[in-house]
């Protein structure tokens, strides 16, 4: 009997797929997986300048890049018509939370208006069969201890402009499905990481410092608040969830993806030190200037709906994810010195 957790190659073979945010962390990994499933992968870029996108450099000749701007609906409609896409993964977003505090309007413009414009283009194109919206566990925001693990039905109490923008995009998707029949399925991924994750994100910050400890003998690992707990998944597990949401997800519905386990930032730092073989050689240092003005203290996923309806469950242990990320930096000296 086929494992329900497996993707259907017959579903993806020959399918025209458009990815917004293809040059990003998740977009590049998703593109790789889709290529391996024999899909025809198209990526939306604001300008057709390929050499400046290192995450997808290795995919030259295997994907088609098309011009389009999320703030320009006609360009999105043109991109959909040009590619003939029947499936759209909407990953593009301003997703760096600290920047959202500094530039909330930019974040709202990119994430809210950009999502509305894409859905309008899909509504007018008539050729798209299904759209996946990449929401975030940050939408849940302030979570009370009695509400953990977090179900899709939990109240949304966003605690950052980024989180608020994702709530708005999420609700726009629901509204467009209800009002116009736009074929969208919503997903809320909890924290995920892996090779190619941006250097500003916490797990990358930690893993790179451990790699520096291994290669250069760095003695200190500097982090911000050690107390917040997060549910960390491997990017390869999350993208599989996104694809299963397209294959099997019910239109208009929302699905959580996470591990169901949480770990504090301090514990994560200690685990990375252990994986790097630096026990007793590297110590954790707390930098209070890195604390957020408002922070979510506990995030832990209930993925039972995704398991029941999509057959999805996490497969990759956190230890492997962290080792792969540390090794990624050890193999790239230019990133260690950045």
C-alpha atoms as a PDB file:
ATOM      1  CA  UNK A   1       0.000   0.000   0.000  1.00  0.00           C
ATOM      2  CA  UNK A   2       1.280   3.471  -0.863  1.00  0.00           C
ATOM      3  CA  UNK A   3       2.431   5.646   2.008  1.00  0.00           C
ATOM      4  CA  UNK A   4      -0.067   8.518   2.261  1.00  0.00           C
ATOM      5  CA  UNK A   5       2.849  10.815   3.080  1.00  0.00           C
ATOM      6  CA  UNK A   6       4.269  10.300  -0.402  1.00  0.00           C
ATOM      7  CA  UNK A   7       3.722  12.731  -3.240  1.00  0.00           C
ATOM      8  CA  UNK A   8       2.133  11.588  -6.478  1.00  0.00           C
ATOM      9  CA  UNK A   9       4.565  11.876  -9.368  1.00  0.00           C
ATOM     10  CA  UNK A  10       1.720  11.258 -11.795  1.00  0.00           C
ATOM     11  CA  UNK A  11      -0.036  14.342 -10.428  1.00  0.00           C
ATOM     12  CA  UNK A  12       2.983  16.602 -10.997  1.00  0.00           C
ATOM     13  CA  UNK A  13       4.431  15.133 -14.185  1.00  0.00           C
ATOM     14  CA  UNK A  14       4.071  17.687 -16.979  1.00  0.00           C
ATOM     15  CA  UNK A  15       2.128  20.124 -14.788  1.00  0.00           C
ATOM     16  CA  UNK A  16       2.841  23.833 -15.377  1.00  0.00           C
ATOM     17  CA  UNK A  17       3.618  25.371 -11.979  1.00  0.00           C
ATOM     18  CA  UNK A  18       4.268  29.032 -11.212  1.00  0.00           C
ATOM     19  CA  UNK A  19       6.181  29.904  -8.038  1.00  0.00           C
ATOM     20  CA  UNK A  20       6.199  33.445  -6.679  1.00  0.00           C
ATOM     21  CA  UNK A  21       9.341  33.935  -4.612  1.00  0.00           C
ATOM     22  CA  UNK A  22      11.212  31.218  -6.500  1.00  0.00           C
ATOM     23  CA  UNK A  23      14.596  32.843  -5.793  1.00  0.00           C
ATOM     24  CA  UNK A  24      14.058  32.630  -2.036  1.00  0.00           C
ATOM     25  CA  UNK A  25      14.860  29.921   0.484  1.00  0.00           C
ATOM     26  CA  UNK A  26      11.647  27.907   0.240  1.00  0.00           C
ATOM     27  CA  UNK A  27      11.099  28.731  -3.440  1.00  0.00           C
ATOM     28  CA  UNK A  28      14.431  27.261  -4.506  1.00  0.00           C
ATOM     29  CA  UNK A  29      13.901  24.037  -2.544  1.00  0.00           C
ATOM     30  CA  UNK A  30      10.354  23.703  -3.869  1.00  0.00           C
ATOM     31  CA  UNK A  31      11.554  24.216  -7.427  1.00  0.00           C
ATOM     32  CA  UNK A  32      14.122  21.427  -6.991  1.00  0.00           C
ATOM     33  CA  UNK A  33      11.477  19.024  -5.704  1.00  0.00           C
ATOM     34  CA  UNK A  34       9.029  19.876  -8.478  1.00  0.00           C
ATOM     35  CA  UNK A  35      11.733  19.336 -11.094  1.00  0.00           C
ATOM     36  CA  UNK A  36      12.432  15.901  -9.593  1.00  0.00           C
ATOM     37  CA  UNK A  37       8.691  15.153  -9.951  1.00  0.00           C
ATOM     38  CA  UNK A  38       8.857  16.067 -13.679  1.00  0.00           C
ATOM     39  CA  UNK A  39       6.787  19.260 -13.344  1.00  0.00           C
ATOM     40  CA  UNK A  40       7.336  22.257 -15.635  1.00  0.00           C
ATOM     41  CA  UNK A  41       8.543  24.951 -13.256  1.00  0.00           C
ATOM     42  CA  UNK A  42       8.109  28.672 -13.890  1.00  0.00           C
ATOM     43  CA  UNK A  43       9.316  31.359 -11.502  1.00  0.00           C
ATOM     44  CA  UNK A  44       8.069  34.914 -11.109  1.00  0.00           C
ATOM     45  CA  UNK A  45      10.765  37.586 -10.882  1.00  0.00           C
ATOM     46  CA  UNK A  46      10.385  41.348 -10.819  1.00  0.00           C
ATOM     47  CA  UNK A  47      13.085  41.638 -13.445  1.00  0.00           C
ATOM     48  CA  UNK A  48      14.625  39.108 -15.738  1.00  0.00           C
ATOM     49  CA  UNK A  49      18.148  39.374 -14.302  1.00  0.00           C
ATOM     50  CA  UNK A  50      19.113  35.795 -13.481  1.00  0.00           C
ATOM     51  CA  UNK A  51      22.760  36.132 -12.325  1.00  0.00           C
ATOM     52  CA  UNK A  52      21.753  37.926  -9.097  1.00  0.00           C
ATOM     53  CA  UNK A  53      19.826  34.975  -7.662  1.00  0.00           C
ATOM     54  CA  UNK A  54      22.312  32.506  -6.115  1.00  0.00           C
ATOM     55  CA  UNK A  55      19.648  30.190  -4.657  1.00  0.00           C
ATOM     56  CA  UNK A  56      18.499  29.163  -8.133  1.00  0.00           C
ATOM     57  CA  UNK A  57      21.758  29.510 -10.055  1.00  0.00           C
ATOM     58  CA  UNK A  58      22.121  25.719 -10.132  1.00  0.00           C
ATOM     59  CA  UNK A  59      18.694  25.425 -11.772  1.00  0.00           C
ATOM     60  CA  UNK A  60      19.684  27.225 -14.969  1.00  0.00           C
ATOM     61  CA  UNK A  61      18.065  25.556 -17.962  1.00  0.00           C
ATOM     62  CA  UNK A  62      15.628  23.609 -15.777  1.00  0.00           C
ATOM     63  CA  UNK A  63      13.194  26.423 -14.960  1.00  0.00           C
ATOM     64  CA  UNK A  64      11.618  29.289 -16.877  1.00  0.00           C
ATOM     65  CA  UNK A  65      11.759  32.728 -15.288  1.00  0.00           C
ATOM     66  CA  UNK A  66       9.063  35.236 -16.193  1.00  0.00           C
ATOM     67  CA  UNK A  67       8.777  38.903 -15.358  1.00  0.00           C
ATOM     68  CA  UNK A  68       6.036  40.085 -13.067  1.00  0.00           C
ATOM     69  CA  UNK A  69       5.460  42.332 -10.081  1.00  0.00           C
ATOM     70  CA  UNK A  70       3.034  41.543  -7.266  1.00  0.00           C
ATOM     71  CA  UNK A  71       2.171  45.230  -7.144  1.00  0.00           C
ATOM     72  CA  UNK A  72       1.190  45.228 -10.841  1.00  0.00           C
ATOM     73  CA  UNK A  73      -1.833  43.026 -11.558  1.00  0.00           C
ATOM     74  CA  UNK A  74      -1.610  43.208 -15.391  1.00  0.00           C
ATOM     75  CA  UNK A  75       1.959  41.874 -15.252  1.00  0.00           C
ATOM     76  CA  UNK A  76       0.765  38.946 -13.123  1.00  0.00           C
ATOM     77  CA  UNK A  77      -2.018  38.170 -15.569  1.00  0.00           C
ATOM     78  CA  UNK A  78       0.505  38.236 -18.410  1.00  0.00           C
ATOM     79  CA  UNK A  79       2.789  35.856 -16.479  1.00  0.00           C
ATOM     80  CA  UNK A  80      -0.055  33.411 -15.883  1.00  0.00           C
ATOM     81  CA  UNK A  81      -1.068  33.484 -19.531  1.00  0.00           C
ATOM     82  CA  UNK A  82       2.508  33.147 -20.766  1.00  0.00           C
ATOM     83  CA  UNK A  83       3.321  30.151 -18.584  1.00  0.00           C
ATOM     84  CA  UNK A  84      -0.062  28.454 -18.860  1.00  0.00           C
ATOM     85  CA  UNK A  85       0.255  27.673 -15.166  1.00  0.00           C
ATOM     86  CA  UNK A  86      -2.480  25.510 -13.680  1.00  0.00           C
ATOM     87  CA  UNK A  87      -0.906  25.552 -10.217  1.00  0.00           C
ATOM     88  CA  UNK A  88       0.471  28.519  -8.277  1.00  0.00           C
ATOM     89  CA  UNK A  89       2.568  28.472  -5.113  1.00  0.00           C
ATOM     90  CA  UNK A  90       2.449  31.931  -3.551  1.00  0.00           C
ATOM     91  CA  UNK A  91       5.628  32.160  -1.474  1.00  0.00           C
ATOM     92  CA  UNK A  92       6.795  35.707  -2.219  1.00  0.00           C
ATOM     93  CA  UNK A  93       6.703  37.975   0.831  1.00  0.00           C
ATOM     94  CA  UNK A  94       8.643  40.384   2.996  1.00  0.00           C
ATOM     95  CA  UNK A  95       9.221  37.732   5.665  1.00  0.00           C
ATOM     96  CA  UNK A  96      11.952  39.166   7.913  1.00  0.00           C
ATOM     97  CA  UNK A  97      10.158  40.066  11.143  1.00  0.00           C
ATOM     98  CA  UNK A  98      12.652  42.681  12.452  1.00  0.00           C
ATOM     99  CA  UNK A  99      12.372  44.552   9.139  1.00  0.00           C
ATOM    100  CA  UNK A 100       8.590  44.512   9.456  1.00  0.00           C
ATOM    101  CA  UNK A 101       8.920  46.519  12.675  1.00  0.00           C
ATOM    102  CA  UNK A 102      11.166  49.035  10.912  1.00  0.00           C
ATOM    103  CA  UNK A 103       9.124  49.226   7.710  1.00  0.00           C
ATOM    104  CA  UNK A 104       5.537  48.132   8.401  1.00  0.00           C
ATOM    105  CA  UNK A 105       4.053  49.896   5.377  1.00  0.00           C
ATOM    106  CA  UNK A 106       6.489  48.158   3.033  1.00  0.00           C
ATOM    107  CA  UNK A 107       5.579  44.835   4.624  1.00  0.00           C
ATOM    108  CA  UNK A 108       1.842  45.467   4.272  1.00  0.00           C
ATOM    109  CA  UNK A 109       2.248  46.575   0.671  1.00  0.00           C
ATOM    110  CA  UNK A 110       4.253  43.513  -0.329  1.00  0.00           C
ATOM    111  CA  UNK A 111       2.328  40.902   1.626  1.00  0.00           C
ATOM    112  CA  UNK A 112      -1.234  42.209   1.631  1.00  0.00           C
ATOM    113  CA  UNK A 113      -1.614  44.118  -1.631  1.00  0.00           C
ATOM    114  CA  UNK A 114       0.678  41.664  -3.395  1.00  0.00           C
ATOM    115  CA  UNK A 115      -1.525  38.745  -2.355  1.00  0.00           C
ATOM    116  CA  UNK A 116      -4.720  40.568  -3.362  1.00  0.00           C
ATOM    117  CA  UNK A 117      -3.255  41.383  -6.775  1.00  0.00           C
ATOM    118  CA  UNK A 118      -2.185  37.789  -7.386  1.00  0.00           C
ATOM    119  CA  UNK A 119      -5.634  36.454  -6.506  1.00  0.00           C
ATOM    120  CA  UNK A 120      -7.226  39.002  -8.817  1.00  0.00           C
ATOM    121  CA  UNK A 121      -4.947  37.865 -11.637  1.00  0.00           C
ATOM    122  CA  UNK A 122      -5.872  34.241 -10.926  1.00  0.00           C
ATOM    123  CA  UNK A 123      -9.571  35.159 -10.897  1.00  0.00           C
ATOM    124  CA  UNK A 124      -9.285  36.806 -14.292  1.00  0.00           C
ATOM    125  CA  UNK A 125      -7.013  34.206 -15.880  1.00  0.00           C
ATOM    126  CA  UNK A 126      -9.494  31.293 -15.631  1.00  0.00           C
ATOM    127  CA  UNK A 127      -6.700  28.759 -16.241  1.00  0.00           C
ATOM    128  CA  UNK A 128      -5.462  28.188 -12.696  1.00  0.00           C
ATOM    129  CA  UNK A 129      -6.821  25.101 -10.953  1.00  0.00           C
ATOM    130  CA  UNK A 130      -5.300  25.634  -7.503  1.00  0.00           C
ATOM    131  CA  UNK A 131      -3.321  28.225  -5.541  1.00  0.00           C
ATOM    132  CA  UNK A 132      -1.369  27.610  -2.344  1.00  0.00           C
ATOM    133  CA  UNK A 133      -0.962  30.570   0.019  1.00  0.00           C
ATOM    134  CA  UNK A 134       2.054  30.412   2.319  1.00  0.00           C
ATOM    135  CA  UNK A 135       0.804  31.755   5.626  1.00  0.00           C
ATOM    136  CA  UNK A 136       2.720  31.528   8.891  1.00  0.00           C
ATOM    137  CA  UNK A 137       2.453  30.322  12.466  1.00  0.00           C
ATOM    138  CA  UNK A 138       3.250  33.938  13.379  1.00  0.00           C
ATOM    139  CA  UNK A 139      -0.410  34.658  12.583  1.00  0.00           C
ATOM    140  CA  UNK A 140      -1.359  33.034  15.895  1.00  0.00           C
ATOM    141  CA  UNK A 141       0.804  35.529  17.786  1.00  0.00           C
ATOM    142  CA  UNK A 142      -0.178  35.707  21.443  1.00  0.00           C
ATOM    143  CA  UNK A 143      -0.918  32.112  22.419  1.00  0.00           C
ATOM    144  CA  UNK A 144      -2.094  31.203  25.908  1.00  0.00           C
ATOM    145  CA  UNK A 145      -0.622  28.084  27.581  1.00  0.00           C
ATOM    146  CA  UNK A 146      -4.038  26.419  27.505  1.00  0.00           C
ATOM    147  CA  UNK A 147      -4.100  26.763  23.688  1.00  0.00           C
ATOM    148  CA  UNK A 148      -0.980  24.682  23.028  1.00  0.00           C
ATOM    149  CA  UNK A 149      -0.538  22.778  20.749  1.00  0.00           C
ATOM    150  CA  UNK A 150      -2.029  25.239  18.276  1.00  0.00           C
ATOM    151  CA  UNK A 151      -4.882  24.173  16.025  1.00  0.00           C
ATOM    152  CA  UNK A 152      -6.035  25.983  12.889  1.00  0.00           C
ATOM    153  CA  UNK A 153      -9.096  27.130  14.855  1.00  0.00           C
ATOM    154  CA  UNK A 154      -7.026  29.034  17.420  1.00  0.00           C
ATOM    155  CA  UNK A 155      -7.635  32.817  17.563  1.00  0.00           C
ATOM    156  CA  UNK A 156      -5.235  34.931  15.492  1.00  0.00           C
ATOM    157  CA  UNK A 157      -3.546  37.575  17.669  1.00  0.00           C
ATOM    158  CA  UNK A 158      -0.578  38.817  15.594  1.00  0.00           C
ATOM    159  CA  UNK A 159       2.326  40.438  17.436  1.00  0.00           C
ATOM    160  CA  UNK A 160       4.307  41.930  14.540  1.00  0.00           C
ATOM    161  CA  UNK A 161       3.538  43.826  11.345  1.00  0.00           C
ATOM    162  CA  UNK A 162       4.723  40.744   9.445  1.00  0.00           C
ATOM    163  CA  UNK A 163       2.255  38.548  11.323  1.00  0.00           C
ATOM    164  CA  UNK A 164      -0.560  41.059  10.756  1.00  0.00           C
ATOM    165  CA  UNK A 165       0.230  41.125   7.036  1.00  0.00           C
ATOM    166  CA  UNK A 166      -0.002  37.348   6.863  1.00  0.00           C
ATOM    167  CA  UNK A 167      -3.336  37.364   8.714  1.00  0.00           C
ATOM    168  CA  UNK A 168      -4.643  39.866   6.172  1.00  0.00           C
ATOM    169  CA  UNK A 169      -3.372  37.805   3.244  1.00  0.00           C
ATOM    170  CA  UNK A 170      -4.875  34.679   4.772  1.00  0.00           C
ATOM    171  CA  UNK A 171      -8.298  36.309   5.106  1.00  0.00           C
ATOM    172  CA  UNK A 172      -8.106  37.781   1.605  1.00  0.00           C
ATOM    173  CA  UNK A 173      -7.586  34.241   0.306  1.00  0.00           C
ATOM    174  CA  UNK A 174     -10.613  33.008   2.237  1.00  0.00           C
ATOM    175  CA  UNK A 175     -12.720  35.927   1.012  1.00  0.00           C
ATOM    176  CA  UNK A 176     -11.722  35.428  -2.623  1.00  0.00           C
ATOM    177  CA  UNK A 177     -12.592  31.755  -2.357  1.00  0.00           C
ATOM    178  CA  UNK A 178     -15.998  32.473  -0.808  1.00  0.00           C
ATOM    179  CA  UNK A 179     -16.915  35.463  -2.927  1.00  0.00           C
ATOM    180  CA  UNK A 180     -15.363  34.614  -6.297  1.00  0.00           C
ATOM    181  CA  UNK A 181     -14.570  30.915  -6.156  1.00  0.00           C
ATOM    182  CA  UNK A 182     -10.819  31.470  -6.499  1.00  0.00           C
ATOM    183  CA  UNK A 183      -9.346  27.970  -5.961  1.00  0.00           C
ATOM    184  CA  UNK A 184      -7.022  28.663  -3.050  1.00  0.00           C
ATOM    185  CA  UNK A 185      -5.848  26.512  -0.170  1.00  0.00           C
ATOM    186  CA  UNK A 186      -4.205  28.192   2.809  1.00  0.00           C
ATOM    187  CA  UNK A 187      -1.211  26.863   4.745  1.00  0.00           C
ATOM    188  CA  UNK A 188       0.400  27.988   7.996  1.00  0.00           C
ATOM    189  CA  UNK A 189       3.905  26.643   8.297  1.00  0.00           C
ATOM    190  CA  UNK A 190       5.609  26.833  11.647  1.00  0.00           C
ATOM    191  CA  UNK A 191       9.300  27.770  11.777  1.00  0.00           C
ATOM    192  CA  UNK A 192      11.363  25.884   9.228  1.00  0.00           C
ATOM    193  CA  UNK A 193      14.975  25.976   8.202  1.00  0.00           C
ATOM    194  CA  UNK A 194      17.681  24.260   6.198  1.00  0.00           C
ATOM    195  CA  UNK A 195      20.472  25.036   3.723  1.00  0.00           C
ATOM    196  CA  UNK A 196      20.136  28.388   1.934  1.00  0.00           C
ATOM    197  CA  UNK A 197      18.042  29.962   4.707  1.00  0.00           C
ATOM    198  CA  UNK A 198      18.774  33.697   4.992  1.00  0.00           C
ATOM    199  CA  UNK A 199      21.704  34.778   7.138  1.00  0.00           C
ATOM    200  CA  UNK A 200      19.453  36.991   9.277  1.00  0.00           C
ATOM    201  CA  UNK A 201      17.224  34.173  10.532  1.00  0.00           C
ATOM    202  CA  UNK A 202      17.873  32.806  13.999  1.00  0.00           C
ATOM    203  CA  UNK A 203      18.770  29.201  13.157  1.00  0.00           C
ATOM    204  CA  UNK A 204      21.137  30.365  10.408  1.00  0.00           C
ATOM    205  CA  UNK A 205      22.712  32.856  12.824  1.00  0.00           C
ATOM    206  CA  UNK A 206      23.296  30.059  15.324  1.00  0.00           C
ATOM    207  CA  UNK A 207      24.446  27.420  12.824  1.00  0.00           C
ATOM    208  CA  UNK A 208      26.889  29.772  11.124  1.00  0.00           C
ATOM    209  CA  UNK A 209      28.484  30.686  14.458  1.00  0.00           C
ATOM    210  CA  UNK A 210      28.887  26.997  15.272  1.00  0.00           C
ATOM    211  CA  UNK A 211      30.473  26.450  11.851  1.00  0.00           C
ATOM    212  CA  UNK A 212      32.865  29.293  12.650  1.00  0.00           C
ATOM    213  CA  UNK A 213      33.651  27.558  15.911  1.00  0.00           C
ATOM    214  CA  UNK A 214      34.452  24.338  14.081  1.00  0.00           C
ATOM    215  CA  UNK A 215      36.549  26.011  11.372  1.00  0.00           C
ATOM    216  CA  UNK A 216      38.104  29.011  13.100  1.00  0.00           C
ATOM    217  CA  UNK A 217      37.855  28.212  16.804  1.00  0.00           C
ATOM    218  CA  UNK A 218      35.268  30.882  17.648  1.00  0.00           C
ATOM    219  CA  UNK A 219      34.560  30.556  21.391  1.00  0.00           C
ATOM    220  CA  UNK A 220      31.260  32.414  21.829  1.00  0.00           C
ATOM    221  CA  UNK A 221      27.812  31.871  20.321  1.00  0.00           C
ATOM    222  CA  UNK A 222      25.812  35.094  20.633  1.00  0.00           C
ATOM    223  CA  UNK A 223      22.003  34.942  20.667  1.00  0.00           C
ATOM    224  CA  UNK A 224      19.120  37.179  21.711  1.00  0.00           C
ATOM    225  CA  UNK A 225      16.348  36.118  24.063  1.00  0.00           C
ATOM    226  CA  UNK A 226      16.949  32.442  25.017  1.00  0.00           C
ATOM    227  CA  UNK A 227      13.426  31.898  26.387  1.00  0.00           C
ATOM    228  CA  UNK A 228      11.011  31.877  23.392  1.00  0.00           C
ATOM    229  CA  UNK A 229      10.101  28.378  22.263  1.00  0.00           C
ATOM    230  CA  UNK A 230       9.560  27.508  18.626  1.00  0.00           C
ATOM    231  CA  UNK A 231       8.462  24.488  16.604  1.00  0.00           C
ATOM    232  CA  UNK A 232      11.212  23.928  14.006  1.00  0.00           C
ATOM    233  CA  UNK A 233      10.750  21.801  10.877  1.00  0.00           C
ATOM    234  CA  UNK A 234      12.969  20.950   7.941  1.00  0.00           C
ATOM    235  CA  UNK A 235      12.250  22.936   4.772  1.00  0.00           C
ATOM    236  CA  UNK A 236      11.984  19.661   2.854  1.00  0.00           C
ATOM    237  CA  UNK A 237       9.154  18.494   5.110  1.00  0.00           C
ATOM    238  CA  UNK A 238       7.295  21.791   4.776  1.00  0.00           C
ATOM    239  CA  UNK A 239       7.504  21.930   0.987  1.00  0.00           C
ATOM    240  CA  UNK A 240       6.118  18.403   0.880  1.00  0.00           C
ATOM    241  CA  UNK A 241       3.208  19.694   2.946  1.00  0.00           C
ATOM    242  CA  UNK A 242       2.662  22.527   0.471  1.00  0.00           C
ATOM    243  CA  UNK A 243       2.582  20.065  -2.407  1.00  0.00           C
ATOM    244  CA  UNK A 244       0.204  17.712  -0.607  1.00  0.00           C
ATOM    245  CA  UNK A 245      -2.033  20.720   0.104  1.00  0.00           C
ATOM    246  CA  UNK A 246      -2.228  21.250  -3.654  1.00  0.00           C
ATOM    247  CA  UNK A 247      -2.782  17.554  -4.361  1.00  0.00           C
ATOM    248  CA  UNK A 248      -5.372  16.844  -1.672  1.00  0.00           C
ATOM    249  CA  UNK A 249      -6.245  20.037   0.223  1.00  0.00           C
ATOM    250  CA  UNK A 250      -9.828  21.268   0.342  1.00  0.00           C
ATOM    251  CA  UNK A 251     -10.372  24.647  -1.282  1.00  0.00           C
ATOM    252  CA  UNK A 252     -10.719  27.481   1.212  1.00  0.00           C
ATOM    253  CA  UNK A 253      -9.344  25.385   4.066  1.00  0.00           C
ATOM    254  CA  UNK A 254      -6.216  26.058   6.125  1.00  0.00           C
ATOM    255  CA  UNK A 255      -3.572  23.547   7.207  1.00  0.00           C
ATOM    256  CA  UNK A 256      -0.853  23.749   9.873  1.00  0.00           C
ATOM    257  CA  UNK A 257       2.573  22.203   9.224  1.00  0.00           C
ATOM    258  CA  UNK A 258       4.996  21.646  12.095  1.00  0.00           C
ATOM    259  CA  UNK A 259       6.510  18.931  14.274  1.00  0.00           C
ATOM    260  CA  UNK A 260       4.321  19.173  17.366  1.00  0.00           C
ATOM    261  CA  UNK A 261       7.440  19.777  19.472  1.00  0.00           C
ATOM    262  CA  UNK A 262       8.961  23.032  20.711  1.00  0.00           C
ATOM    263  CA  UNK A 263      12.478  23.996  21.724  1.00  0.00           C
ATOM    264  CA  UNK A 264      13.751  27.226  23.279  1.00  0.00           C
ATOM    265  CA  UNK A 265      16.331  29.400  21.559  1.00  0.00           C
ATOM    266  CA  UNK A 266      18.790  28.604  24.355  1.00  0.00           C
ATOM    267  CA  UNK A 267      18.231  24.872  23.966  1.00  0.00           C
ATOM    268  CA  UNK A 268      18.598  25.186  20.193  1.00  0.00           C
ATOM    269  CA  UNK A 269      21.955  26.924  20.628  1.00  0.00           C
ATOM    270  CA  UNK A 270      23.156  24.199  22.998  1.00  0.00           C
ATOM    271  CA  UNK A 271      22.015  21.485  20.571  1.00  0.00           C
ATOM    272  CA  UNK A 272      23.901  23.102  17.682  1.00  0.00           C
ATOM    273  CA  UNK A 273      27.042  23.301  19.796  1.00  0.00           C
ATOM    274  CA  UNK A 274      26.694  19.594  20.592  1.00  0.00           C
ATOM    275  CA  UNK A 275      26.111  18.646  16.942  1.00  0.00           C
ATOM    276  CA  UNK A 276      29.180  20.662  15.976  1.00  0.00           C
ATOM    277  CA  UNK A 277      31.269  18.725  18.521  1.00  0.00           C
ATOM    278  CA  UNK A 278      32.015  21.896  20.488  1.00  0.00           C
ATOM    279  CA  UNK A 279      30.797  20.917  23.970  1.00  0.00           C
ATOM    280  CA  UNK A 280      33.065  22.676  26.457  1.00  0.00           C
ATOM    281  CA  UNK A 281      34.697  24.687  23.676  1.00  0.00           C
ATOM    282  CA  UNK A 282      31.944  27.200  22.878  1.00  0.00           C
ATOM    283  CA  UNK A 283      29.652  29.055  25.268  1.00  0.00           C
ATOM    284  CA  UNK A 284      26.334  30.829  24.707  1.00  0.00           C
ATOM    285  CA  UNK A 285      26.312  34.600  25.277  1.00  0.00           C
ATOM    286  CA  UNK A 286      23.059  36.581  25.616  1.00  0.00           C
ATOM    287  CA  UNK A 287      22.851  39.934  23.782  1.00  0.00           C
ATOM    288  CA  UNK A 288      19.840  41.888  25.068  1.00  0.00           C
ATOM    289  CA  UNK A 289      20.029  44.311  22.149  1.00  0.00           C
ATOM    290  CA  UNK A 290      18.712  41.465  19.999  1.00  0.00           C
ATOM    291  CA  UNK A 291      15.503  41.072  22.019  1.00  0.00           C
ATOM    292  CA  UNK A 292      12.269  41.969  20.179  1.00  0.00           C
ATOM    293  CA  UNK A 293       9.996  44.698  21.528  1.00  0.00           C
ATOM    294  CA  UNK A 294       7.125  42.203  21.311  1.00  0.00           C
ATOM    295  CA  UNK A 295       7.767  38.492  21.049  1.00  0.00           C
ATOM    296  CA  UNK A 296       5.783  35.288  20.833  1.00  0.00           C
ATOM    297  CA  UNK A 297       6.939  33.141  23.756  1.00  0.00           C
ATOM    298  CA  UNK A 298       5.523  29.749  22.823  1.00  0.00           C
ATOM    299  CA  UNK A 299       4.764  28.228  19.429  1.00  0.00           C
ATOM    300  CA  UNK A 300       3.917  24.543  19.059  1.00  0.00           C
ATOM    301  CA  UNK A 301       1.989  22.996  16.200  1.00  0.00           C
ATOM    302  CA  UNK A 302      -0.991  20.677  16.130  1.00  0.00           C
ATOM    303  CA  UNK A 303      -0.725  19.147  12.651  1.00  0.00           C
ATOM    304  CA  UNK A 304      -3.478  16.566  13.131  1.00  0.00           C
ATOM    305  CA  UNK A 305      -5.658  18.123  10.416  1.00  0.00           C
ATOM    306  CA  UNK A 306      -2.853  17.895   7.839  1.00  0.00           C
ATOM    307  CA  UNK A 307      -2.184  14.308   8.921  1.00  0.00           C
ATOM    308  CA  UNK A 308      -5.844  13.298   8.636  1.00  0.00           C
ATOM    309  CA  UNK A 309      -6.792  15.121   5.437  1.00  0.00           C
ATOM    310  CA  UNK A 310      -3.484  15.215   3.538  1.00  0.00           C
ATOM    311  CA  UNK A 311      -1.613  12.240   4.953  1.00  0.00           C
ATOM    312  CA  UNK A 312       1.242  14.566   5.955  1.00  0.00           C
ATOM    313  CA  UNK A 313       3.589  14.178   8.902  1.00  0.00           C
ATOM    314  CA  UNK A 314       7.154  15.430   9.537  1.00  0.00           C
ATOM    315  CA  UNK A 315       9.895  12.970   8.576  1.00  0.00           C
ATOM    316  CA  UNK A 316      13.252  14.689   9.137  1.00  0.00           C
ATOM    317  CA  UNK A 317      14.656  14.957  12.714  1.00  0.00           C
ATOM    318  CA  UNK A 318      15.776  18.383  13.926  1.00  0.00           C
ATOM    319  CA  UNK A 319      19.279  17.034  14.530  1.00  0.00           C
ATOM    320  CA  UNK A 320      19.684  16.171  10.842  1.00  0.00           C
ATOM    321  CA  UNK A 321      18.328  19.562   9.774  1.00  0.00           C
ATOM    322  CA  UNK A 322      20.816  21.377  12.001  1.00  0.00           C
ATOM    323  CA  UNK A 323      23.735  19.191  10.908  1.00  0.00           C
ATOM    324  CA  UNK A 324      22.890  19.809   7.249  1.00  0.00           C
ATOM    325  CA  UNK A 325      22.778  23.551   7.894  1.00  0.00           C
ATOM    326  CA  UNK A 326      26.092  23.587   9.777  1.00  0.00           C
ATOM    327  CA  UNK A 327      27.697  21.533   6.994  1.00  0.00           C
ATOM    328  CA  UNK A 328      26.264  23.951   4.419  1.00  0.00           C
ATOM    329  CA  UNK A 329      28.195  26.802   6.034  1.00  0.00           C
ATOM    330  CA  UNK A 330      31.340  24.723   6.507  1.00  0.00           C
ATOM    331  CA  UNK A 331      31.355  24.110   2.751  1.00  0.00           C
ATOM    332  CA  UNK A 332      30.997  27.833   1.933  1.00  0.00           C
ATOM    333  CA  UNK A 333      33.796  29.911   3.372  1.00  0.00           C
ATOM    334  CA  UNK A 334      32.435  33.076   1.706  1.00  0.00           C
ATOM    335  CA  UNK A 335      29.330  32.796   3.917  1.00  0.00           C
ATOM    336  CA  UNK A 336      31.328  32.117   7.066  1.00  0.00           C
ATOM    337  CA  UNK A 337      33.208  35.377   6.518  1.00  0.00           C
ATOM    338  CA  UNK A 338      30.163  37.417   5.470  1.00  0.00           C
END
